[in-house]
Amino acid sequence: MRLFKPKTIPGWLLIAFWFCWEFLGAWARIEFVFKKAWPGKPMIPIFATIAQSRWFSITILVAGLAWIWWSTRPKSIEKKEGLRPERLPVIEILSHKNGRDVQYREKVSGTISMPNSSMQVLVHAGNDRWYLQRNVVVRDNSWEVECYFGDEGSPSGSSYEIVAISPAQKIASIIDTLPSNVTKSEFITGYRA
């Protein structure tokens, strides 16, 4: 993280202004005390009291620090470089093939072309909803997750679809439609045994 770069200049200027304000304000308050002139009045007469001057000073300091933080905070690759097709990973589901029987609970695994990319796996059930599967483990180019296909009492032959998406999205655990701004694996259909 570089603190001194062109984007941070406004933040550093605010902090420099704050420093000058505080230095000159302290000098003025000392002068006022020794000369007993205008006690309780700030150096610059735009504020009615020292307290108002102090709040202004704190606001300038916080604004400068916030600007520097905002300019140097880490950004995800998607935000930094944009979601372009050549930057999206290719995801494959290798553990399951179309038409395979599935149990209530099974491990699903595969590969992702960009090592350690954020991703999610969802299962589409007979009620026309997508269920987010928790705790996808990504190690280099491999990933694995435990998926739930219905519940323990789901009838035999019920169909389910599996899909993996990347990058990971902020979504509820149950959604009606898949996000559109992601790359998706092939949809794999499985049937409850």
Foldseek 3Di string as FASTA:
>chain_A
DDLDDPQLVVLVVLVVVLVVLVVVFVVVQVVCVVVVPPHQATPDNPDPGVVVSVVVSVVSNVVSVVSSCVVPPDDDPCVVPNDDPVPAKAWEWDPAAAAAADEQKDKTKTFIRAFPAAKWKWKQFPVQKIFTFPDWDGGTGMIMGMDGHDHNPDDWFTKMKMKMWPDDDPDDRIGNDDDDSIDMYDIHMYTHD
